[in-house]
Amino acid sequence: MANTPQAKKRIRRNERRAEINGNRVGRIRTFVKKVESALAAGDKEAATVALAAVQPELQRGVAKGVLHKNTASRKFSRLTKRLASL
């Protein structure tokens, strides 16, 4: 258990940051799912619009430190490839 005031503060801060970061990742997942559902339905127009919305979300996740840049690139690349194959 944390004994020093600074260690106690770090625990409080880590809990707050974990909640915020979890919300960020969940938001990104929601945007990705919109693209995937449009792709599954075969709706190229909706998938294109959703893909345009997911790209800045992925980049924001990278900037905020919740996603690695290669992970975001890979996700975007795979979604783009699936859209092109429609």
PDB file of N, CA and C in Angstrom:
ATOM      1  N   MET A   1       0.843  -1.188   0.000  1.00  0.00           N
ATOM      2  CA  MET A   1       0.000   0.000   0.000  1.00  0.00           C
ATOM      3  C   MET A   1       0.878   1.237   0.000  1.00  0.00           C
ATOM      4  N   ALA A   2       0.381   2.286  -0.623  1.00  0.00           N
ATOM      5  CA  ALA A   2       1.130   3.531  -0.711  1.00  0.00           C
ATOM      6  C   ALA A   2       1.207   4.188   0.665  1.00  0.00           C
ATOM      7  N   ASN A   3       2.402   4.634   1.013  1.00  0.00           N
ATOM      8  CA  ASN A   3       2.595   5.280   2.306  1.00  0.00           C
ATOM      9  C   ASN A   3       2.811   6.774   2.186  1.00  0.00           C
ATOM     10  N   THR A   4       3.515   7.205   1.156  1.00  0.00           N
ATOM     11  CA  THR A   4       3.829   8.631   1.037  1.00  0.00           C
ATOM     12  C   THR A   4       2.669   9.375   0.384  1.00  0.00           C
ATOM     13  N   PRO A   5       2.546  10.650   0.678  1.00  0.00           N
ATOM     14  CA  PRO A   5       1.483  11.439   0.044  1.00  0.00           C
ATOM     15  C   PRO A   5       1.594  11.437  -1.482  1.00  0.00           C
ATOM     16  N   GLN A   6       2.823  11.479  -1.981  1.00  0.00           N
ATOM     17  CA  GLN A   6       3.003  11.496  -3.435  1.00  0.00           C
ATOM     18  C   GLN A   6       2.536  10.182  -4.063  1.00  0.00           C
ATOM     19  N   ALA A   7       2.815   9.058  -3.397  1.00  0.00           N
ATOM     20  CA  ALA A   7       2.380   7.765  -3.924  1.00  0.00           C
ATOM     21  C   ALA A   7       0.857   7.671  -3.923  1.00  0.00           C
ATOM     22  N   LYS A   8       0.221   8.218  -2.879  1.00  0.00           N
ATOM     23  CA  LYS A   8      -1.241   8.216  -2.821  1.00  0.00           C
ATOM     24  C   LYS A   8      -1.817   9.079  -3.938  1.00  0.00           C
ATOM     25  N   LYS A   9      -1.172  10.208  -4.184  1.00  0.00           N
ATOM     26  CA  LYS A   9      -1.618  11.097  -5.248  1.00  0.00           C
ATOM     27  C   LYS A   9      -1.482  10.419  -6.610  1.00  0.00           C
ATOM     28  N   ARG A  10      -0.387   9.689  -6.831  1.00  0.00           N
ATOM     29  CA  ARG A  10      -0.180   8.985  -8.096  1.00  0.00           C
ATOM     30  C   ARG A  10      -1.286   7.945  -8.317  1.00  0.00           C
ATOM     31  N   ILE A  11      -1.684   7.266  -7.264  1.00  0.00           N
ATOM     32  CA  ILE A  11      -2.752   6.267  -7.385  1.00  0.00           C
ATOM     33  C   ILE A  11      -4.051   6.944  -7.815  1.00  0.00           C
ATOM     34  N   ARG A  12      -4.385   8.084  -7.182  1.00  0.00           N
ATOM     35  CA  ARG A  12      -5.595   8.820  -7.548  1.00  0.00           C
ATOM     36  C   ARG A  12      -5.518   9.283  -8.997  1.00  0.00           C
ATOM     37  N   ARG A  13      -4.378   9.819  -9.379  1.00  0.00           N
ATOM     38  CA  ARG A  13      -4.193  10.336 -10.725  1.00  0.00           C
ATOM     39  C   ARG A  13      -4.273   9.211 -11.766  1.00  0.00           C
ATOM     40  N   ASN A  14      -3.652   8.097 -11.459  1.00  0.00           N
ATOM     41  CA  ASN A  14      -3.675   6.966 -12.391  1.00  0.00           C
ATOM     42  C   ASN A  14      -5.097   6.456 -12.618  1.00  0.00           C
ATOM     43  N   GLU A  15      -5.904   6.453 -11.564  1.00  0.00           N
ATOM     44  CA  GLU A  15      -7.293   6.023 -11.710  1.00  0.00           C
ATOM     45  C   GLU A  15      -8.063   6.971 -12.622  1.00  0.00           C
ATOM     46  N   ARG A  16      -7.854   8.272 -12.442  1.00  0.00           N
ATOM     47  CA  ARG A  16      -8.537   9.254 -13.289  1.00  0.00           C
ATOM     48  C   ARG A  16      -8.095   9.116 -14.745  1.00  0.00           C
ATOM     49  N   ARG A  17      -6.792   8.979 -14.946  1.00  0.00           N
ATOM     50  CA  ARG A  17      -6.267   8.879 -16.316  1.00  0.00           C
ATOM     51  C   ARG A  17      -6.744   7.594 -16.981  1.00  0.00           C
ATOM     52  N   ALA A  18      -6.818   6.501 -16.225  1.00  0.00           N
ATOM     53  CA  ALA A  18      -7.267   5.230 -16.795  1.00  0.00           C
ATOM     54  C   ALA A  18      -8.707   5.343 -17.281  1.00  0.00           C
ATOM     55  N   GLU A  19      -9.535   6.043 -16.523  1.00  0.00           N
ATOM     56  CA  GLU A  19     -10.919   6.228 -16.930  1.00  0.00           C
ATOM     57  C   GLU A  19     -11.005   7.067 -18.205  1.00  0.00           C
ATOM     58  N   ILE A  20     -10.255   8.156 -18.245  1.00  0.00           N
ATOM     59  CA  ILE A  20     -10.251   9.036 -19.426  1.00  0.00           C
ATOM     60  C   ILE A  20      -9.736   8.283 -20.649  1.00  0.00           C
ATOM     61  N   ASN A  21      -8.634   7.553 -20.470  1.00  0.00           N
ATOM     62  CA  ASN A  21      -8.056   6.820 -21.595  1.00  0.00           C
ATOM     63  C   ASN A  21      -8.983   5.709 -22.067  1.00  0.00           C
ATOM     64  N   GLY A  22      -9.676   5.068 -21.142  1.00  0.00           N
ATOM     65  CA  GLY A  22     -10.644   4.043 -21.522  1.00  0.00           C
ATOM     66  C   GLY A  22     -11.763   4.624 -22.357  1.00  0.00           C
ATOM     67  N   ASN A  23     -12.217   5.815 -21.993  1.00  0.00           N
ATOM     68  CA  ASN A  23     -13.259   6.487 -22.772  1.00  0.00           C
ATOM     69  C   ASN A  23     -12.759   6.820 -24.170  1.00  0.00           C
ATOM     70  N   ARG A  24     -11.511   7.242 -24.258  1.00  0.00           N
ATOM     71  CA  ARG A  24     -10.936   7.578 -25.569  1.00  0.00           C
ATOM     72  C   ARG A  24     -10.865   6.351 -26.469  1.00  0.00           C
ATOM     73  N   VAL A  25     -10.400   5.241 -25.911  1.00  0.00           N
ATOM     74  CA  VAL A  25     -10.293   4.011 -26.693  1.00  0.00           C
ATOM     75  C   VAL A  25     -11.682   3.532 -27.109  1.00  0.00           C
ATOM     76  N   GLY A  26     -12.648   3.655 -26.213  1.00  0.00           N
ATOM     77  CA  GLY A  26     -14.019   3.261 -26.535  1.00  0.00           C
ATOM     78  C   GLY A  26     -14.603   4.099 -27.658  1.00  0.00           C
ATOM     79  N   ARG A  27     -14.296   5.382 -27.656  1.00  0.00           N
ATOM     80  CA  ARG A  27     -14.765   6.280 -28.716  1.00  0.00           C
ATOM     81  C   ARG A  27     -14.170   5.870 -30.065  1.00  0.00           C
ATOM     82  N   ILE A  28     -12.890   5.541 -30.055  1.00  0.00           N
ATOM     83  CA  ILE A  28     -12.231   5.110 -31.289  1.00  0.00           C
ATOM     84  C   ILE A  28     -12.861   3.814 -31.784  1.00  0.00           C
ATOM     85  N   ARG A  29     -13.109   2.876 -30.866  1.00  0.00           N
ATOM     86  CA  ARG A  29     -13.724   1.598 -31.235  1.00  0.00           C
ATOM     87  C   ARG A  29     -15.098   1.815 -31.873  1.00  0.00           C
ATOM     88  N   THR A  30     -15.854   2.757 -31.341  1.00  0.00           N
ATOM     89  CA  THR A  30     -17.182   3.044 -31.876  1.00  0.00           C
ATOM     90  C   THR A  30     -17.081   3.516 -33.323  1.00  0.00           C
ATOM     91  N   PHE A  31     -16.134   4.410 -33.605  1.00  0.00           N
ATOM     92  CA  PHE A  31     -15.959   4.914 -34.956  1.00  0.00           C
ATOM     93  C   PHE A  31     -15.540   3.788 -35.905  1.00  0.00           C
ATOM     94  N   VAL A  32     -14.657   2.914 -35.431  1.00  0.00           N
ATOM     95  CA  VAL A  32     -14.192   1.793 -36.260  1.00  0.00           C
ATOM     96  C   VAL A  32     -15.358   0.846 -36.545  1.00  0.00           C
ATOM     97  N   LYS A  33     -16.200   0.609 -35.534  1.00  0.00           N
ATOM     98  CA  LYS A  33     -17.338  -0.289 -35.724  1.00  0.00           C
ATOM     99  C   LYS A  33     -18.330   0.270 -36.741  1.00  0.00           C
ATOM    100  N   LYS A  34     -18.480   1.599 -36.796  1.00  0.00           N
ATOM    101  CA  LYS A  34     -19.368   2.201 -37.791  1.00  0.00           C
ATOM    102  C   LYS A  34     -18.874   1.886 -39.199  1.00  0.00           C
ATOM    103  N   VAL A  35     -17.559   1.966 -39.396  1.00  0.00           N
ATOM    104  CA  VAL A  35     -16.991   1.643 -40.707  1.00  0.00           C
ATOM    105  C   VAL A  35     -17.215   0.166 -41.009  1.00  0.00           C
ATOM    106  N   GLU A  36     -16.929  -0.691 -40.036  1.00  0.00           N
ATOM    107  CA  GLU A  36     -17.060  -2.133 -40.253  1.00  0.00           C
ATOM    108  C   GLU A  36     -18.499  -2.532 -40.538  1.00  0.00           C
ATOM    109  N   SER A  37     -19.455  -1.928 -39.870  1.00  0.00           N
ATOM    110  CA  SER A  37     -20.850  -2.282 -40.119  1.00  0.00           C
ATOM    111  C   SER A  37     -21.290  -1.812 -41.505  1.00  0.00           C
ATOM    112  N   ALA A  38     -20.793  -0.646 -41.936  1.00  0.00           N
ATOM    113  CA  ALA A  38     -21.108  -0.169 -43.287  1.00  0.00           C
ATOM    114  C   ALA A  38     -20.480  -1.078 -44.338  1.00  0.00           C
ATOM    115  N   LEU A  39     -19.265  -1.542 -44.059  1.00  0.00           N
ATOM    116  CA  LEU A  39     -18.603  -2.463 -44.984  1.00  0.00           C
ATOM    117  C   LEU A  39     -19.355  -3.790 -45.055  1.00  0.00           C
ATOM    118  N   ALA A  40     -19.794  -4.282 -43.915  1.00  0.00           N
ATOM    119  CA  ALA A  40     -20.521  -5.546 -43.872  1.00  0.00           C
ATOM    120  C   ALA A  40     -21.847  -5.440 -44.625  1.00  0.00           C
ATOM    121  N   ALA A  41     -22.466  -4.265 -44.569  1.00  0.00           N
ATOM    122  CA  ALA A  41     -23.736  -4.060 -45.267  1.00  0.00           C
ATOM    123  C   ALA A  41     -23.518  -3.816 -46.751  1.00  0.00           C
ATOM    124  N   GLY A  42     -22.272  -3.559 -47.144  1.00  0.00           N
ATOM    125  CA  GLY A  42     -21.967  -3.301 -48.546  1.00  0.00           C
ATOM    126  C   GLY A  42     -22.297  -1.885 -48.982  1.00  0.00           C
ATOM    127  N   ASP A  43     -22.476  -0.994 -48.032  1.00  0.00           N
ATOM    128  CA  ASP A  43     -22.822   0.403 -48.320  1.00  0.00           C
ATOM    129  C   ASP A  43     -21.536   1.213 -48.474  1.00  0.00           C
ATOM    130  N   LYS A  44     -21.118   1.402 -49.728  1.00  0.00           N
ATOM    131  CA  LYS A  44     -19.844   2.061 -49.985  1.00  0.00           C
ATOM    132  C   LYS A  44     -19.874   3.542 -49.598  1.00  0.00           C
ATOM    133  N   GLU A  45     -21.009   4.202 -49.816  1.00  0.00           N
ATOM    134  CA  GLU A  45     -21.120   5.631 -49.479  1.00  0.00           C
ATOM    135  C   GLU A  45     -20.976   5.847 -47.968  1.00  0.00           C
ATOM    136  N   ALA A  46     -21.720   5.074 -47.199  1.00  0.00           N
ATOM    137  CA  ALA A  46     -21.670   5.216 -45.740  1.00  0.00           C
ATOM    138  C   ALA A  46     -20.291   4.836 -45.217  1.00  0.00           C
ATOM    139  N   ALA A  47     -19.686   3.809 -45.807  1.00  0.00           N
ATOM    140  CA  ALA A  47     -18.354   3.381 -45.372  1.00  0.00           C
ATOM    141  C   ALA A  47     -17.317   4.460 -45.657  1.00  0.00           C
ATOM    142  N   THR A  48     -17.450   5.140 -46.792  1.00  0.00           N
ATOM    143  CA  THR A  48     -16.509   6.208 -47.138  1.00  0.00           C
ATOM    144  C   THR A  48     -16.620   7.361 -46.145  1.00  0.00           C
ATOM    145  N   VAL A  49     -17.843   7.728 -45.816  1.00  0.00           N
ATOM    146  CA  VAL A  49     -18.059   8.819 -44.850  1.00  0.00           C
ATOM    147  C   VAL A  49     -17.532   8.421 -43.472  1.00  0.00           C
ATOM    148  N   ALA A  50     -17.812   7.193 -43.067  1.00  0.00           N
ATOM    149  CA  ALA A  50     -17.370   6.717 -41.753  1.00  0.00           C
ATOM    150  C   ALA A  50     -15.852   6.602 -41.696  1.00  0.00           C
ATOM    151  N   LEU A  51     -15.230   6.193 -42.803  1.00  0.00           N
ATOM    152  CA  LEU A  51     -13.775   6.079 -42.840  1.00  0.00           C
ATOM    153  C   LEU A  51     -13.123   7.453 -42.728  1.00  0.00           C
ATOM    154  N   ALA A  52     -13.742   8.457 -43.352  1.00  0.00           N
ATOM    155  CA  ALA A  52     -13.223   9.820 -43.245  1.00  0.00           C
ATOM    156  C   ALA A  52     -13.319  10.329 -41.810  1.00  0.00           C
ATOM    157  N   ALA A  53     -14.298   9.831 -41.057  1.00  0.00           N
ATOM    158  CA  ALA A  53     -14.458  10.254 -39.663  1.00  0.00           C
ATOM    159  C   ALA A  53     -13.523   9.498 -38.727  1.00  0.00           C
ATOM    160  N   VAL A  54     -13.162   8.259 -39.086  1.00  0.00           N
ATOM    161  CA  VAL A  54     -12.348   7.447 -38.185  1.00  0.00           C
ATOM    162  C   VAL A  54     -10.877   7.862 -38.229  1.00  0.00           C
ATOM    163  N   GLN A  55     -10.424   8.379 -39.349  1.00  0.00           N
ATOM    164  CA  GLN A  55      -9.006   8.709 -39.492  1.00  0.00           C
ATOM    165  C   GLN A  55      -8.542   9.749 -38.466  1.00  0.00           C
ATOM    166  N   PRO A  56      -9.233  10.883 -38.315  1.00  0.00           N
ATOM    167  CA  PRO A  56      -8.791  11.831 -37.286  1.00  0.00           C
ATOM    168  C   PRO A  56      -8.917  11.286 -35.859  1.00  0.00           C
ATOM    169  N   GLU A  57      -9.891  10.409 -35.643  1.00  0.00           N
ATOM    170  CA  GLU A  57     -10.033   9.812 -34.307  1.00  0.00           C
ATOM    171  C   GLU A  57      -8.837   8.937 -33.982  1.00  0.00           C
ATOM    172  N   LEU A  58      -8.390   8.158 -34.964  1.00  0.00           N
ATOM    173  CA  LEU A  58      -7.207   7.322 -34.742  1.00  0.00           C
ATOM    174  C   LEU A  58      -5.986   8.196 -34.472  1.00  0.00           C
ATOM    175  N   GLN A  59      -5.834   9.259 -35.234  1.00  0.00           N
ATOM    176  CA  GLN A  59      -4.685  10.143 -35.050  1.00  0.00           C
ATOM    177  C   GLN A  59      -4.734  10.844 -33.696  1.00  0.00           C
ATOM    178  N   ARG A  60      -5.933  11.190 -33.249  1.00  0.00           N
ATOM    179  CA  ARG A  60      -6.087  11.811 -31.935  1.00  0.00           C
ATOM    180  C   ARG A  60      -5.691  10.830 -30.837  1.00  0.00           C
ATOM    181  N   GLY A  61      -6.050   9.566 -31.041  1.00  0.00           N
ATOM    182  CA  GLY A  61      -5.647   8.529 -30.090  1.00  0.00           C
ATOM    183  C   GLY A  61      -4.140   8.397 -30.011  1.00  0.00           C
ATOM    184  N   VAL A  62      -3.463   8.514 -31.147  1.00  0.00           N
ATOM    185  CA  VAL A  62      -2.001   8.464 -31.169  1.00  0.00           C
ATOM    186  C   VAL A  62      -1.438   9.682 -30.429  1.00  0.00           C
ATOM    187  N   ALA A  63      -1.998  10.853 -30.714  1.00  0.00           N
ATOM    188  CA  ALA A  63      -1.498  12.084 -30.090  1.00  0.00           C
ATOM    189  C   ALA A  63      -1.688  12.069 -28.577  1.00  0.00           C
ATOM    190  N   LYS A  64      -2.783  11.464 -28.123  1.00  0.00           N
ATOM    191  CA  LYS A  64      -3.068  11.414 -26.687  1.00  0.00           C
ATOM    192  C   LYS A  64      -2.345  10.262 -25.993  1.00  0.00           C
ATOM    193  N   GLY A  65      -1.741   9.377 -26.780  1.00  0.00           N
ATOM    194  CA  GLY A  65      -0.942   8.311 -26.187  1.00  0.00           C
ATOM    195  C   GLY A  65      -1.710   7.052 -25.826  1.00  0.00           C
ATOM    196  N   VAL A  66      -2.929   6.895 -26.347  1.00  0.00           N
ATOM    197  CA  VAL A  66      -3.680   5.684 -26.032  1.00  0.00           C
ATOM    198  C   VAL A  66      -3.515   4.610 -27.106  1.00  0.00           C
ATOM    199  N   LEU A  67      -2.991   4.995 -28.259  1.00  0.00           N
ATOM    200  CA  LEU A  67      -2.707   4.058 -29.341  1.00  0.00           C
ATOM    201  C   LEU A  67      -1.281   4.274 -29.831  1.00  0.00           C
ATOM    202  N   HIS A  68      -0.646   3.196 -30.235  1.00  0.00           N
ATOM    203  CA  HIS A  68       0.665   3.318 -30.869  1.00  0.00           C
ATOM    204  C   HIS A  68       0.444   3.759 -32.312  1.00  0.00           C
ATOM    205  N   LYS A  69       1.375   4.527 -32.856  1.00  0.00           N
ATOM    206  CA  LYS A  69       1.172   5.060 -34.203  1.00  0.00           C
ATOM    207  C   LYS A  69       1.075   3.957 -35.251  1.00  0.00           C
ATOM    208  N   ASN A  70       1.825   2.877 -35.063  1.00  0.00           N
ATOM    209  CA  ASN A  70       1.756   1.781 -36.031  1.00  0.00           C
ATOM    210  C   ASN A  70       0.417   1.046 -35.945  1.00  0.00           C
ATOM    211  N   THR A  71      -0.130   0.956 -34.752  1.00  0.00           N
ATOM    212  CA  THR A  71      -1.441   0.324 -34.575  1.00  0.00           C
ATOM    213  C   THR A  71      -2.514   1.121 -35.308  1.00  0.00           C
ATOM    214  N   ALA A  72      -2.481   2.435 -35.143  1.00  0.00           N
ATOM    215  CA  ALA A  72      -3.462   3.286 -35.812  1.00  0.00           C
ATOM    216  C   ALA A  72      -3.300   3.191 -37.320  1.00  0.00           C
ATOM    217  N   SER A  73      -2.064   3.193 -37.786  1.00  0.00           N
ATOM    218  CA  SER A  73      -1.802   3.080 -39.224  1.00  0.00           C
ATOM    219  C   SER A  73      -2.321   1.760 -39.768  1.00  0.00           C
ATOM    220  N   ARG A  74      -2.076   0.690 -39.031  1.00  0.00           N
ATOM    221  CA  ARG A  74      -2.507  -0.637 -39.459  1.00  0.00           C
ATOM    222  C   ARG A  74      -4.032  -0.718 -39.542  1.00  0.00           C
ATOM    223  N   LYS A  75      -4.704  -0.200 -38.518  1.00  0.00           N
ATOM    224  CA  LYS A  75      -6.166  -0.235 -38.516  1.00  0.00           C
ATOM    225  C   LYS A  75      -6.725   0.541 -39.705  1.00  0.00           C
ATOM    226  N   PHE A  76      -6.196   1.739 -39.924  1.00  0.00           N
ATOM    227  CA  PHE A  76      -6.689   2.577 -41.015  1.00  0.00           C
ATOM    228  C   PHE A  76      -6.399   1.929 -42.366  1.00  0.00           C
ATOM    229  N   SER A  77      -5.228   1.349 -42.500  1.00  0.00           N
ATOM    230  CA  SER A  77      -4.845   0.708 -43.751  1.00  0.00           C
ATOM    231  C   SER A  77      -5.762  -0.471 -44.066  1.00  0.00           C
ATOM    232  N   ARG A  78      -6.044  -1.283 -43.079  1.00  0.00           N
ATOM    233  CA  ARG A  78      -6.897  -2.454 -43.295  1.00  0.00           C
ATOM    234  C   ARG A  78      -8.331  -2.055 -43.637  1.00  0.00           C
ATOM    235  N   LEU A  79      -8.822  -1.001 -42.967  1.00  0.00           N
ATOM    236  CA  LEU A  79     -10.167  -0.528 -43.278  1.00  0.00           C
ATOM    237  C   LEU A  79     -10.220   0.035 -44.697  1.00  0.00           C
ATOM    238  N   THR A  80      -9.181   0.774 -45.082  1.00  0.00           N
ATOM    239  CA  THR A  80      -9.117   1.352 -46.419  1.00  0.00           C
ATOM    240  C   THR A  80      -9.081   0.260 -47.480  1.00  0.00           C
ATOM    241  N   LYS A  81      -8.301  -0.777 -47.199  1.00  0.00           N
ATOM    242  CA  LYS A  81      -8.196  -1.891 -48.146  1.00  0.00           C
ATOM    243  C   LYS A  81      -9.541  -2.597 -48.307  1.00  0.00           C
ATOM    244  N   ARG A  82     -10.246  -2.782 -47.189  1.00  0.00           N
ATOM    245  CA  ARG A  82     -11.570  -3.423 -47.266  1.00  0.00           C
ATOM    246  C   ARG A  82     -12.571  -2.569 -48.032  1.00  0.00           C
ATOM    247  N   LEU A  83     -12.471  -1.239 -47.865  1.00  0.00           N
ATOM    248  CA  LEU A  83     -13.359  -0.334 -48.588  1.00  0.00           C
ATOM    249  C   LEU A  83     -13.054  -0.397 -50.078  1.00  0.00           C
ATOM    250  N   ALA A  84     -11.791  -0.451 -50.453  1.00  0.00           N
ATOM    251  CA  ALA A  84     -11.402  -0.505 -51.854  1.00  0.00           C
ATOM    252  C   ALA A  84     -11.862  -1.797 -52.517  1.00  0.00           C
ATOM    253  N   SER A  85     -11.976  -2.865 -51.732  1.00  0.00           N
ATOM    254  CA  SER A  85     -12.363  -4.151 -52.304  1.00  0.00           C
ATOM    255  C   SER A  85     -13.885  -4.266 -52.504  1.00  0.00           C
ATOM    256  N   LEU A  86     -14.648  -3.278 -52.010  1.00  0.00           N
ATOM    257  CA  LEU A  86     -16.113  -3.323 -52.197  1.00  0.00           C
ATOM    258  C   LEU A  86     -16.476  -3.118 -53.668  1.00  0.00           C
TER     259      LEU A  86
END
